[in-house]
Amino acid sequence: MGQALVYWVIALVFIALALRWARRSMGEEKIPLVAVLAAGIFAIQALNIPIPWGGTSGHMSVLRSRQSSSGRRLQGSSS
């Protein structure tokens, strides 16, 4: 529980800094651009990318193989 609390505090600090930067730096003309960028990132990360081994696929955020605690490679979701 203690380690999770430390990470939450760190995350909240960076969220506060990002919000402060956004309030100071972003004008009304940049908001639609940020919204389109966020929608594009969301759409791209949802695409399945074929992985060369085992007939599996992974999302853009998971392009490297995951390993179990025993060192064996785990396969992603089959498609």
N, C-alpha and C. Protein backbone atom coordinates (compact mmCIF):
# COMPACT_ATOMS: atom_id res chain seq x y z
N MET A 1 0.82 -1.20 0.00
CA MET A 1 0.00 0.00 0.00
C MET A 1 0.87 1.26 0.00
N GLY A 2 1.99 1.21 0.70
CA GLY A 2 2.87 2.37 0.79
C GLY A 2 3.47 2.77 -0.54
N GLN A 3 3.87 1.76 -1.32
CA GLN A 3 4.47 2.05 -2.63
C GLN A 3 3.43 2.67 -3.56
N ALA A 4 2.20 2.18 -3.52
CA ALA A 4 1.14 2.74 -4.35
C ALA A 4 0.89 4.20 -3.99
N LEU A 5 0.93 4.51 -2.71
CA LEU A 5 0.73 5.89 -2.26
C LEU A 5 1.82 6.81 -2.80
N VAL A 6 3.05 6.33 -2.80
CA VAL A 6 4.16 7.13 -3.32
C VAL A 6 3.93 7.43 -4.81
N TYR A 7 3.52 6.41 -5.57
CA TYR A 7 3.29 6.63 -7.00
C TYR A 7 2.11 7.55 -7.25
N TRP A 8 1.08 7.46 -6.43
CA TRP A 8 -0.06 8.38 -6.56
C TRP A 8 0.37 9.82 -6.31
N VAL A 9 1.20 10.03 -5.31
CA VAL A 9 1.68 11.38 -5.01
C VAL A 9 2.49 11.92 -6.18
N ILE A 10 3.38 11.07 -6.74
CA ILE A 10 4.18 11.50 -7.88
C ILE A 10 3.27 11.83 -9.07
N ALA A 11 2.29 10.97 -9.33
CA ALA A 11 1.37 11.21 -10.45
C ALA A 11 0.59 12.50 -10.25
N LEU A 12 0.11 12.75 -9.04
CA LEU A 12 -0.66 13.96 -8.78
C LEU A 12 0.17 15.22 -8.97
N VAL A 13 1.45 15.15 -8.61
CA VAL A 13 2.34 16.30 -8.82
C VAL A 13 2.46 16.60 -10.31
N PHE A 14 2.67 15.56 -11.12
CA PHE A 14 2.82 15.77 -12.55
C PHE A 14 1.51 16.18 -13.21
N ILE A 15 0.40 15.67 -12.73
CA ILE A 15 -0.91 16.11 -13.24
C ILE A 15 -1.13 17.58 -12.95
N ALA A 16 -0.79 18.01 -11.73
CA ALA A 16 -0.94 19.42 -11.37
C ALA A 16 -0.04 20.30 -12.24
N LEU A 17 1.19 19.86 -12.48
CA LEU A 17 2.09 20.63 -13.34
C LEU A 17 1.55 20.71 -14.77
N ALA A 18 1.01 19.61 -15.29
CA ALA A 18 0.47 19.61 -16.64
C ALA A 18 -0.75 20.52 -16.75
N LEU A 19 -1.61 20.50 -15.75
CA LEU A 19 -2.78 21.37 -15.76
C LEU A 19 -2.38 22.84 -15.70
N ARG A 20 -1.37 23.15 -14.88
CA ARG A 20 -0.90 24.53 -14.78
C ARG A 20 -0.32 24.99 -16.12
N TRP A 21 0.46 24.10 -16.77
CA TRP A 21 1.02 24.44 -18.09
C TRP A 21 -0.10 24.65 -19.10
N ALA A 22 -1.11 23.77 -19.09
CA ALA A 22 -2.19 23.89 -20.07
C ALA A 22 -2.98 25.18 -19.88
N ARG A 23 -3.21 25.56 -18.67
CA ARG A 23 -3.96 26.81 -18.41
C ARG A 23 -3.18 28.03 -18.88
N ARG A 24 -1.86 28.00 -18.70
CA ARG A 24 -1.05 29.16 -19.06
C ARG A 24 -0.74 29.22 -20.56
N SER A 25 -0.49 28.09 -21.17
CA SER A 25 0.05 28.07 -22.53
C SER A 25 -0.97 27.85 -23.63
N MET A 26 -2.06 27.18 -23.33
CA MET A 26 -2.99 26.82 -24.39
C MET A 26 -4.07 27.87 -24.57
N GLY A 27 -4.18 28.33 -25.79
CA GLY A 27 -5.24 29.27 -26.12
C GLY A 27 -6.44 28.54 -26.70
N GLU A 28 -7.48 29.27 -26.95
CA GLU A 28 -8.71 28.69 -27.50
C GLU A 28 -8.48 28.06 -28.88
N GLU A 29 -7.51 28.58 -29.64
CA GLU A 29 -7.28 28.05 -30.98
C GLU A 29 -6.60 26.68 -30.97
N LYS A 30 -5.93 26.30 -29.88
CA LYS A 30 -5.23 25.02 -29.82
C LYS A 30 -6.09 23.87 -29.30
N ILE A 31 -7.21 24.16 -28.70
CA ILE A 31 -8.03 23.11 -28.09
C ILE A 31 -8.55 22.11 -29.13
N PRO A 32 -9.08 22.56 -30.28
CA PRO A 32 -9.52 21.57 -31.28
C PRO A 32 -8.37 20.69 -31.80
N LEU A 33 -7.18 21.27 -31.95
CA LEU A 33 -6.03 20.50 -32.40
C LEU A 33 -5.67 19.41 -31.39
N VAL A 34 -5.68 19.74 -30.12
CA VAL A 34 -5.39 18.76 -29.07
C VAL A 34 -6.45 17.66 -29.06
N ALA A 35 -7.70 18.02 -29.26
CA ALA A 35 -8.78 17.03 -29.28
C ALA A 35 -8.62 16.07 -30.45
N VAL A 36 -8.27 16.58 -31.63
CA VAL A 36 -8.06 15.71 -32.79
C VAL A 36 -6.85 14.82 -32.57
N LEU A 37 -5.80 15.35 -31.99
CA LEU A 37 -4.61 14.56 -31.69
C LEU A 37 -4.94 13.43 -30.71
N ALA A 38 -5.70 13.73 -29.67
CA ALA A 38 -6.09 12.71 -28.70
C ALA A 38 -6.94 11.62 -29.34
N ALA A 39 -7.87 12.02 -30.21
CA ALA A 39 -8.71 11.04 -30.90
C ALA A 39 -7.87 10.16 -31.82
N GLY A 40 -6.91 10.75 -32.50
CA GLY A 40 -6.03 9.98 -33.38
C GLY A 40 -5.18 8.98 -32.62
N ILE A 41 -4.62 9.40 -31.51
CA ILE A 41 -3.82 8.49 -30.67
C ILE A 41 -4.69 7.35 -30.17
N PHE A 42 -5.92 7.65 -29.75
CA PHE A 42 -6.83 6.61 -29.27
C PHE A 42 -7.14 5.61 -30.38
N ALA A 43 -7.39 6.10 -31.58
CA ALA A 43 -7.71 5.20 -32.70
C ALA A 43 -6.51 4.34 -33.09
N ILE A 44 -5.33 4.92 -33.13
CA ILE A 44 -4.14 4.17 -33.52
C ILE A 44 -3.80 3.09 -32.49
N GLN A 45 -3.90 3.40 -31.22
CA GLN A 45 -3.53 2.40 -30.20
C GLN A 45 -4.51 1.25 -30.16
N ALA A 46 -5.70 1.43 -30.71
CA ALA A 46 -6.69 0.35 -30.72
C ALA A 46 -6.48 -0.63 -31.87
N LEU A 47 -5.63 -0.30 -32.84
CA LEU A 47 -5.37 -1.19 -33.97
C LEU A 47 -4.56 -2.39 -33.51
N ASN A 48 -4.88 -3.56 -34.03
CA ASN A 48 -4.08 -4.75 -33.76
C ASN A 48 -2.92 -4.80 -34.73
N ILE A 49 -1.75 -5.05 -34.20
CA ILE A 49 -0.53 -5.13 -34.98
C ILE A 49 -0.07 -6.58 -34.96
N PRO A 50 0.13 -7.23 -36.13
CA PRO A 50 0.59 -8.63 -36.12
C PRO A 50 1.99 -8.73 -35.54
N ILE A 51 2.19 -9.74 -34.71
CA ILE A 51 3.50 -10.01 -34.12
C ILE A 51 4.06 -11.24 -34.84
N PRO A 52 5.34 -11.23 -35.23
CA PRO A 52 5.88 -12.27 -36.11
C PRO A 52 5.89 -13.70 -35.54
N TRP A 53 5.74 -13.92 -34.29
CA TRP A 53 5.81 -15.28 -33.76
C TRP A 53 4.45 -15.72 -33.22
N GLY A 54 4.10 -16.96 -33.47
CA GLY A 54 2.95 -17.58 -32.85
C GLY A 54 1.58 -17.16 -33.35
N GLY A 55 1.47 -16.39 -34.41
CA GLY A 55 0.17 -15.99 -34.90
C GLY A 55 -0.62 -15.12 -33.96
N THR A 56 0.06 -14.32 -33.17
CA THR A 56 -0.61 -13.45 -32.21
C THR A 56 -0.65 -12.03 -32.74
N SER A 57 -1.34 -11.18 -32.06
CA SER A 57 -1.34 -9.76 -32.39
C SER A 57 -1.31 -8.97 -31.10
N GLY A 58 -0.85 -7.75 -31.19
CA GLY A 58 -0.78 -6.89 -30.02
C GLY A 58 -1.21 -5.50 -30.37
N HIS A 59 -1.59 -4.74 -29.37
CA HIS A 59 -1.95 -3.35 -29.59
C HIS A 59 -0.68 -2.53 -29.70
N MET A 60 -0.80 -1.31 -30.20
CA MET A 60 0.38 -0.45 -30.38
C MET A 60 1.16 -0.26 -29.08
N SER A 61 0.47 -0.27 -27.95
CA SER A 61 1.16 -0.04 -26.68
C SER A 61 1.89 -1.27 -26.19
N VAL A 62 1.64 -2.44 -26.79
CA VAL A 62 2.29 -3.68 -26.36
C VAL A 62 2.96 -4.32 -27.57
N LEU A 63 4.11 -3.80 -27.94
CA LEU A 63 4.80 -4.32 -29.11
C LEU A 63 5.92 -5.29 -28.74
N ARG A 64 6.31 -5.35 -27.50
CA ARG A 64 7.37 -6.27 -27.11
C ARG A 64 6.75 -7.46 -26.40
N SER A 65 7.45 -8.56 -26.40
CA SER A 65 6.90 -9.77 -25.79
C SER A 65 6.92 -9.62 -24.27
N ARG A 66 5.88 -10.19 -23.66
CA ARG A 66 5.81 -10.20 -22.21
C ARG A 66 6.40 -11.50 -21.71
N GLN A 67 7.02 -11.48 -20.57
CA GLN A 67 7.61 -12.69 -20.03
C GLN A 67 7.01 -12.98 -18.66
N SER A 68 6.83 -14.27 -18.38
CA SER A 68 6.31 -14.67 -17.08
C SER A 68 7.45 -14.70 -16.08
N SER A 69 7.16 -14.95 -14.84
CA SER A 69 8.19 -14.97 -13.81
C SER A 69 9.16 -16.12 -14.01
N SER A 70 8.76 -17.19 -14.70
CA SER A 70 9.66 -18.31 -14.95
C SER A 70 10.55 -18.08 -16.17
N GLY A 71 10.36 -17.00 -16.90
CA GLY A 71 11.18 -16.68 -18.04
C GLY A 71 10.59 -17.13 -19.36
N ARG A 72 9.48 -17.87 -19.36
CA ARG A 72 8.83 -18.27 -20.60
C ARG A 72 8.11 -17.09 -21.22
N ARG A 73 8.07 -17.06 -22.55
CA ARG A 73 7.36 -15.98 -23.23
C ARG A 73 5.87 -16.26 -23.20
N LEU A 74 5.09 -15.24 -22.83
CA LEU A 74 3.65 -15.35 -22.84
C LEU A 74 3.15 -14.81 -24.16
N GLN A 75 2.15 -15.42 -24.75
CA GLN A 75 1.59 -14.93 -26.00
C GLN A 75 0.49 -13.94 -25.70
N GLY A 76 0.35 -12.95 -26.59
CA GLY A 76 -0.72 -11.96 -26.45
C GLY A 76 -2.04 -12.57 -26.85
N SER A 77 -3.03 -11.74 -27.04
CA SER A 77 -4.35 -12.23 -27.43
C SER A 77 -4.32 -12.72 -28.87
N SER A 78 -4.89 -13.87 -29.12
CA SER A 78 -4.92 -14.43 -30.47
C SER A 78 -5.99 -13.75 -31.29
N SER A 79 -5.71 -13.52 -32.53
CA SER A 79 -6.68 -12.92 -33.45
C SER A 79 -6.76 -13.71 -34.71
